N, C-alpha and C. Protein backbone atom coordinates (compact mmCIF):
# COMPACT_ATOMS: atom_id res chain seq x y z
N MET A 1 -43.27 53.00 -0.60
CA MET A 1 -42.91 52.91 -2.02
C MET A 1 -41.84 51.84 -2.25
N ASP A 2 -40.84 51.75 -1.36
CA ASP A 2 -39.78 50.74 -1.51
C ASP A 2 -40.36 49.34 -1.50
N LYS A 3 -41.35 49.08 -0.64
CA LYS A 3 -41.93 47.74 -0.59
C LYS A 3 -42.64 47.42 -1.89
N GLU A 4 -43.30 48.42 -2.50
CA GLU A 4 -43.99 48.21 -3.77
C GLU A 4 -43.00 47.86 -4.87
N VAL A 5 -41.90 48.60 -4.97
CA VAL A 5 -40.89 48.33 -5.98
C VAL A 5 -40.28 46.95 -5.75
N THR A 6 -40.00 46.63 -4.50
CA THR A 6 -39.43 45.32 -4.18
C THR A 6 -40.37 44.20 -4.58
N LEU A 7 -41.65 44.37 -4.31
CA LEU A 7 -42.63 43.35 -4.66
C LEU A 7 -42.72 43.19 -6.18
N ILE A 8 -42.76 44.30 -6.90
CA ILE A 8 -42.81 44.24 -8.36
C ILE A 8 -41.57 43.55 -8.91
N THR A 9 -40.41 43.90 -8.36
CA THR A 9 -39.16 43.30 -8.81
C THR A 9 -39.15 41.80 -8.56
N LYS A 10 -39.58 41.39 -7.38
CA LYS A 10 -39.64 39.96 -7.07
C LYS A 10 -40.60 39.24 -8.01
N GLU A 11 -41.75 39.84 -8.26
CA GLU A 11 -42.72 39.23 -9.16
C GLU A 11 -42.14 39.08 -10.56
N LYS A 12 -41.46 40.12 -11.05
CA LYS A 12 -40.84 40.04 -12.38
C LYS A 12 -39.77 38.95 -12.40
N SER A 13 -38.99 38.86 -11.33
CA SER A 13 -37.94 37.85 -11.26
C SER A 13 -38.52 36.45 -11.28
N VAL A 14 -39.56 36.25 -10.53
CA VAL A 14 -40.20 34.93 -10.49
C VAL A 14 -40.84 34.63 -11.84
N HIS A 15 -41.45 35.62 -12.47
CA HIS A 15 -42.05 35.43 -13.80
C HIS A 15 -40.97 35.00 -14.80
N TYR A 16 -39.82 35.64 -14.74
CA TYR A 16 -38.73 35.29 -15.65
C TYR A 16 -38.25 33.87 -15.37
N GLN A 17 -38.12 33.53 -14.09
CA GLN A 17 -37.69 32.18 -13.71
C GLN A 17 -38.69 31.15 -14.23
N ASP A 18 -39.98 31.43 -14.10
CA ASP A 18 -41.01 30.53 -14.62
C ASP A 18 -40.88 30.35 -16.12
N TYR A 19 -40.63 31.46 -16.82
CA TYR A 19 -40.46 31.40 -18.27
C TYR A 19 -39.25 30.54 -18.63
N GLU A 20 -38.14 30.76 -17.95
CA GLU A 20 -36.92 29.98 -18.21
C GLU A 20 -37.17 28.50 -17.96
N PHE A 21 -37.86 28.20 -16.86
CA PHE A 21 -38.14 26.81 -16.53
C PHE A 21 -39.03 26.18 -17.59
N SER A 22 -40.06 26.90 -18.03
CA SER A 22 -40.96 26.33 -19.03
C SER A 22 -40.23 26.13 -20.35
N ALA A 23 -39.32 27.02 -20.70
CA ALA A 23 -38.55 26.87 -21.94
C ALA A 23 -37.65 25.65 -21.86
N GLU A 24 -37.04 25.44 -20.68
CA GLU A 24 -36.18 24.27 -20.51
C GLU A 24 -36.98 22.98 -20.51
N SER A 25 -38.13 22.99 -19.85
CA SER A 25 -38.90 21.76 -19.73
C SER A 25 -39.53 21.34 -21.05
N THR A 26 -39.73 22.29 -21.96
CA THR A 26 -40.29 21.95 -23.27
C THR A 26 -39.20 21.78 -24.31
N ASN A 27 -37.94 21.82 -23.85
CA ASN A 27 -36.79 21.70 -24.75
C ASN A 27 -36.88 22.70 -25.90
N ASP A 28 -37.14 23.94 -25.56
CA ASP A 28 -37.27 25.01 -26.55
C ASP A 28 -35.88 25.39 -27.05
N THR A 29 -35.43 24.66 -28.06
CA THR A 29 -34.08 24.90 -28.59
C THR A 29 -34.03 26.12 -29.48
N ALA A 30 -35.19 26.59 -29.95
CA ALA A 30 -35.20 27.77 -30.80
C ALA A 30 -35.01 29.05 -29.99
N ARG A 31 -35.20 28.95 -28.68
CA ARG A 31 -35.10 30.12 -27.82
C ARG A 31 -33.63 30.51 -27.68
N SER A 32 -33.34 31.77 -27.94
CA SER A 32 -32.00 32.27 -27.68
C SER A 32 -32.13 33.52 -26.85
N SER A 33 -31.31 33.65 -25.84
CA SER A 33 -31.34 34.83 -24.99
C SER A 33 -29.92 35.24 -24.70
N ALA A 34 -29.77 36.22 -23.86
CA ALA A 34 -28.44 36.73 -23.53
C ALA A 34 -27.79 35.84 -22.48
N ILE A 35 -27.89 34.57 -22.66
CA ILE A 35 -27.32 33.60 -21.72
C ILE A 35 -25.97 33.17 -22.27
N PRO A 36 -24.95 33.15 -21.42
CA PRO A 36 -23.63 32.78 -21.93
C PRO A 36 -23.61 31.35 -22.47
N GLU A 37 -22.93 31.19 -23.56
CA GLU A 37 -22.68 29.86 -24.09
C GLU A 37 -21.21 29.56 -23.81
N THR A 38 -20.95 28.50 -23.11
CA THR A 38 -19.58 28.20 -22.73
C THR A 38 -18.85 27.54 -23.88
N SER A 39 -17.68 28.05 -24.16
CA SER A 39 -16.80 27.42 -25.14
C SER A 39 -15.51 27.08 -24.42
N LYS A 40 -14.56 26.54 -25.14
CA LYS A 40 -13.31 26.15 -24.49
C LYS A 40 -12.56 27.33 -23.90
N LYS A 41 -12.50 28.45 -24.63
CA LYS A 41 -11.70 29.57 -24.16
C LYS A 41 -12.51 30.78 -23.74
N PHE A 42 -13.63 31.03 -24.41
CA PHE A 42 -14.36 32.26 -24.20
C PHE A 42 -15.83 31.99 -23.93
N LYS A 43 -16.44 32.93 -23.23
CA LYS A 43 -17.89 32.90 -23.10
C LYS A 43 -18.43 33.91 -24.10
N THR A 44 -19.39 33.50 -24.89
CA THR A 44 -20.00 34.40 -25.85
C THR A 44 -21.46 34.57 -25.50
N PHE A 45 -22.05 35.62 -26.00
CA PHE A 45 -23.45 35.87 -25.72
C PHE A 45 -24.22 35.91 -27.04
N THR A 46 -25.38 35.33 -27.01
CA THR A 46 -26.27 35.45 -28.16
C THR A 46 -27.17 36.66 -27.89
N GLU A 47 -27.70 37.21 -28.94
CA GLU A 47 -28.61 38.35 -28.77
C GLU A 47 -29.87 37.88 -28.06
N PRO A 48 -30.43 38.73 -27.20
CA PRO A 48 -31.67 38.37 -26.50
C PRO A 48 -32.82 38.18 -27.49
N ASN A 49 -33.73 37.29 -27.14
CA ASN A 49 -34.89 37.07 -28.01
C ASN A 49 -35.96 38.12 -27.69
N GLU A 50 -37.08 38.04 -28.38
CA GLU A 50 -38.14 39.04 -28.24
C GLU A 50 -38.70 39.10 -26.82
N PHE A 51 -38.92 37.94 -26.20
CA PHE A 51 -39.41 37.91 -24.83
C PHE A 51 -38.44 38.64 -23.91
N ASP A 52 -37.15 38.33 -24.03
CA ASP A 52 -36.14 38.96 -23.18
C ASP A 52 -36.12 40.47 -23.37
N LEU A 53 -36.17 40.93 -24.62
CA LEU A 53 -36.13 42.36 -24.89
C LEU A 53 -37.34 43.08 -24.31
N ASP A 54 -38.52 42.47 -24.46
CA ASP A 54 -39.73 43.06 -23.86
C ASP A 54 -39.65 43.04 -22.34
N PHE A 55 -39.17 41.94 -21.81
CA PHE A 55 -39.11 41.78 -20.36
C PHE A 55 -38.19 42.81 -19.72
N ILE A 56 -37.06 43.06 -20.33
CA ILE A 56 -36.03 43.91 -19.73
C ILE A 56 -36.25 45.39 -20.06
N ARG A 57 -37.27 45.71 -20.83
CA ARG A 57 -37.58 47.10 -21.17
C ARG A 57 -38.29 47.75 -19.98
N VAL A 58 -37.50 48.17 -19.00
CA VAL A 58 -38.00 48.78 -17.78
C VAL A 58 -37.19 50.04 -17.49
N ASP A 59 -37.65 50.82 -16.52
CA ASP A 59 -36.90 52.02 -16.15
C ASP A 59 -35.60 51.61 -15.45
N GLN A 60 -34.68 52.56 -15.35
CA GLN A 60 -33.35 52.28 -14.82
C GLN A 60 -33.40 51.73 -13.39
N SER A 61 -34.24 52.29 -12.57
CA SER A 61 -34.33 51.87 -11.17
C SER A 61 -34.78 50.40 -11.08
N THR A 62 -35.78 50.05 -11.87
CA THR A 62 -36.26 48.67 -11.87
C THR A 62 -35.20 47.73 -12.42
N LEU A 63 -34.45 48.19 -13.41
CA LEU A 63 -33.38 47.37 -13.97
C LEU A 63 -32.33 47.05 -12.90
N TYR A 64 -31.94 48.05 -12.14
CA TYR A 64 -30.96 47.82 -11.06
C TYR A 64 -31.54 46.89 -10.00
N ASP A 65 -32.84 47.07 -9.69
CA ASP A 65 -33.49 46.18 -8.73
C ASP A 65 -33.50 44.75 -9.24
N LEU A 66 -33.71 44.58 -10.56
CA LEU A 66 -33.69 43.24 -11.14
C LEU A 66 -32.31 42.60 -11.02
N VAL A 67 -31.26 43.39 -11.19
CA VAL A 67 -29.90 42.86 -11.02
C VAL A 67 -29.74 42.34 -9.60
N MET A 68 -30.15 43.15 -8.63
CA MET A 68 -30.01 42.76 -7.23
C MET A 68 -30.85 41.52 -6.91
N ALA A 69 -32.11 41.51 -7.40
CA ALA A 69 -32.99 40.37 -7.12
C ALA A 69 -32.48 39.10 -7.80
N ALA A 70 -32.06 39.21 -9.05
CA ALA A 70 -31.56 38.04 -9.77
C ALA A 70 -30.32 37.48 -9.10
N ASN A 71 -29.45 38.35 -8.62
CA ASN A 71 -28.26 37.91 -7.91
C ASN A 71 -28.65 37.23 -6.60
N TYR A 72 -29.52 37.85 -5.83
CA TYR A 72 -29.94 37.31 -4.54
C TYR A 72 -30.67 35.98 -4.70
N LEU A 73 -31.55 35.91 -5.70
CA LEU A 73 -32.34 34.70 -5.93
C LEU A 73 -31.61 33.66 -6.77
N ASP A 74 -30.38 34.00 -7.21
CA ASP A 74 -29.54 33.12 -8.01
C ASP A 74 -30.23 32.68 -9.30
N ILE A 75 -30.76 33.68 -10.01
CA ILE A 75 -31.37 33.45 -11.32
C ILE A 75 -30.37 33.94 -12.36
N LYS A 76 -29.41 33.09 -12.69
CA LYS A 76 -28.28 33.45 -13.55
C LYS A 76 -28.71 34.01 -14.91
N PRO A 77 -29.68 33.39 -15.60
CA PRO A 77 -30.07 33.95 -16.90
C PRO A 77 -30.62 35.37 -16.79
N LEU A 78 -31.38 35.66 -15.74
CA LEU A 78 -31.92 37.00 -15.56
C LEU A 78 -30.79 37.98 -15.20
N LEU A 79 -29.86 37.56 -14.38
CA LEU A 79 -28.72 38.40 -14.04
C LEU A 79 -27.92 38.73 -15.30
N ASP A 80 -27.68 37.73 -16.12
CA ASP A 80 -26.95 37.96 -17.37
C ASP A 80 -27.70 38.93 -18.28
N LEU A 81 -29.01 38.75 -18.39
CA LEU A 81 -29.82 39.61 -19.24
C LEU A 81 -29.81 41.05 -18.73
N ALA A 82 -29.98 41.23 -17.44
CA ALA A 82 -30.01 42.58 -16.86
C ALA A 82 -28.65 43.26 -17.01
N CYS A 83 -27.58 42.53 -16.77
CA CYS A 83 -26.24 43.10 -16.92
C CYS A 83 -25.96 43.42 -18.39
N TYR A 84 -26.43 42.59 -19.29
CA TYR A 84 -26.30 42.85 -20.73
C TYR A 84 -27.00 44.16 -21.08
N SER A 85 -28.19 44.35 -20.52
CA SER A 85 -28.95 45.56 -20.79
C SER A 85 -28.23 46.80 -20.27
N ILE A 86 -27.64 46.70 -19.09
CA ILE A 86 -26.88 47.83 -18.54
C ILE A 86 -25.64 48.09 -19.38
N ALA A 87 -24.97 47.04 -19.81
CA ALA A 87 -23.77 47.22 -20.66
C ALA A 87 -24.13 47.91 -21.97
N LYS A 88 -25.31 47.59 -22.52
CA LYS A 88 -25.74 48.25 -23.76
C LYS A 88 -25.96 49.74 -23.54
N MET A 89 -26.28 50.13 -22.30
CA MET A 89 -26.47 51.54 -21.99
C MET A 89 -25.15 52.31 -22.11
N PHE A 90 -24.02 51.64 -21.92
CA PHE A 90 -22.69 52.25 -22.03
C PHE A 90 -22.23 52.36 -23.48
N SER A 91 -22.71 51.48 -24.31
CA SER A 91 -22.20 51.33 -25.67
C SER A 91 -22.27 52.62 -26.47
N GLY A 92 -21.12 53.03 -27.00
CA GLY A 92 -21.04 54.18 -27.88
C GLY A 92 -21.18 55.52 -27.20
N LYS A 93 -21.05 55.57 -25.88
CA LYS A 93 -21.21 56.83 -25.17
C LYS A 93 -19.87 57.34 -24.68
N SER A 94 -19.79 58.65 -24.59
CA SER A 94 -18.59 59.28 -24.03
C SER A 94 -18.64 59.16 -22.51
N ALA A 95 -17.52 59.46 -21.88
CA ALA A 95 -17.46 59.41 -20.41
C ALA A 95 -18.50 60.35 -19.80
N GLN A 96 -18.65 61.53 -20.39
CA GLN A 96 -19.62 62.49 -19.84
C GLN A 96 -21.05 62.00 -20.02
N GLU A 97 -21.36 61.38 -21.15
CA GLU A 97 -22.71 60.84 -21.36
C GLU A 97 -23.00 59.72 -20.36
N ILE A 98 -22.01 58.90 -20.07
CA ILE A 98 -22.19 57.83 -19.08
C ILE A 98 -22.42 58.44 -17.70
N ARG A 99 -21.64 59.46 -17.36
CA ARG A 99 -21.85 60.14 -16.07
C ARG A 99 -23.26 60.69 -15.98
N ASN A 100 -23.75 61.30 -17.05
CA ASN A 100 -25.11 61.86 -17.04
C ASN A 100 -26.16 60.77 -16.91
N THR A 101 -25.98 59.67 -17.64
CA THR A 101 -26.95 58.58 -17.61
C THR A 101 -27.07 57.97 -16.22
N PHE A 102 -25.93 57.79 -15.56
CA PHE A 102 -25.92 57.11 -14.27
C PHE A 102 -25.79 58.06 -13.09
N ASN A 103 -25.96 59.36 -13.36
CA ASN A 103 -25.89 60.37 -12.30
C ASN A 103 -24.60 60.28 -11.49
N LEU A 104 -23.48 60.21 -12.20
CA LEU A 104 -22.18 60.11 -11.55
C LEU A 104 -21.48 61.47 -11.59
N GLU A 105 -20.79 61.77 -10.51
CA GLU A 105 -20.05 63.01 -10.43
C GLU A 105 -18.65 62.78 -10.99
N ASN A 106 -18.14 63.75 -11.73
CA ASN A 106 -16.78 63.68 -12.25
C ASN A 106 -15.83 64.11 -11.14
N ASP A 107 -15.08 63.17 -10.59
CA ASP A 107 -14.18 63.49 -9.49
C ASP A 107 -12.73 63.68 -9.97
N LEU A 108 -12.52 63.77 -11.28
CA LEU A 108 -11.19 63.99 -11.83
C LEU A 108 -11.00 65.48 -12.11
N ASP A 109 -9.79 65.97 -11.81
CA ASP A 109 -9.50 67.34 -12.22
C ASP A 109 -9.08 67.33 -13.69
N ARG A 110 -8.95 68.50 -14.29
CA ARG A 110 -8.66 68.58 -15.73
C ARG A 110 -7.35 67.91 -16.09
N GLY A 111 -6.33 68.03 -15.22
CA GLY A 111 -5.04 67.39 -15.48
C GLY A 111 -5.16 65.87 -15.53
N GLN A 112 -5.94 65.29 -14.63
CA GLN A 112 -6.14 63.83 -14.62
C GLN A 112 -6.89 63.39 -15.87
N GLU A 113 -7.88 64.18 -16.28
CA GLU A 113 -8.62 63.84 -17.50
C GLU A 113 -7.70 63.85 -18.72
N LEU A 114 -6.87 64.86 -18.82
CA LEU A 114 -5.93 64.95 -19.95
C LEU A 114 -4.96 63.78 -19.95
N GLU A 115 -4.48 63.39 -18.78
CA GLU A 115 -3.56 62.25 -18.68
C GLU A 115 -4.25 60.96 -19.13
N LEU A 116 -5.49 60.75 -18.72
CA LEU A 116 -6.23 59.56 -19.15
C LEU A 116 -6.48 59.57 -20.66
N GLU A 117 -6.82 60.73 -21.19
CA GLU A 117 -7.02 60.84 -22.63
C GLU A 117 -5.74 60.52 -23.38
N ARG A 118 -4.60 61.01 -22.87
CA ARG A 118 -3.31 60.76 -23.51
C ARG A 118 -2.98 59.27 -23.48
N ARG A 119 -3.16 58.63 -22.33
CA ARG A 119 -2.82 57.21 -22.19
C ARG A 119 -3.77 56.30 -22.96
N ASN A 120 -4.98 56.76 -23.17
CA ASN A 120 -5.99 55.92 -23.83
C ASN A 120 -6.37 56.44 -25.21
N ARG A 121 -5.50 57.17 -25.82
CA ARG A 121 -5.77 57.74 -27.15
C ARG A 121 -6.10 56.65 -28.16
N TRP A 122 -5.42 55.51 -28.06
CA TRP A 122 -5.65 54.40 -28.99
C TRP A 122 -7.09 53.93 -28.93
N PHE A 123 -7.71 54.08 -27.77
CA PHE A 123 -9.06 53.59 -27.57
C PHE A 123 -10.09 54.51 -28.20
N THR A 124 -9.85 55.80 -28.18
CA THR A 124 -10.84 56.77 -28.66
C THR A 124 -10.74 57.02 -30.15
N ASN A 125 -9.65 56.59 -30.79
CA ASN A 125 -9.50 56.81 -32.24
C ASN A 125 -10.03 55.68 -33.05
């Protein structure tokens, strides 16, 4: 099963790379994706286009595999897109919802949780 997932992930990564290359070679200036645009002080992101949104609409396991493959194969636009998608999974969620989504165990005792809530009250209000 691992080999099948790896093969699918590699194929998706190569497909994305081919798409990026074809967009660059045709000077597709209308294309916007979650690729960083460098400015003098900050990096900003544009919203992903329709192709990117369809491409990255995969299950969580495949998404993580895409992050690993894009990093290993040095496909920066795909890495940015996959990380953007994971970051969107965090957006607007409580700590417990994030733990549930990513199957994380809460290793804080109640006192530590209360201390964090007290120190970060500005953030939650």
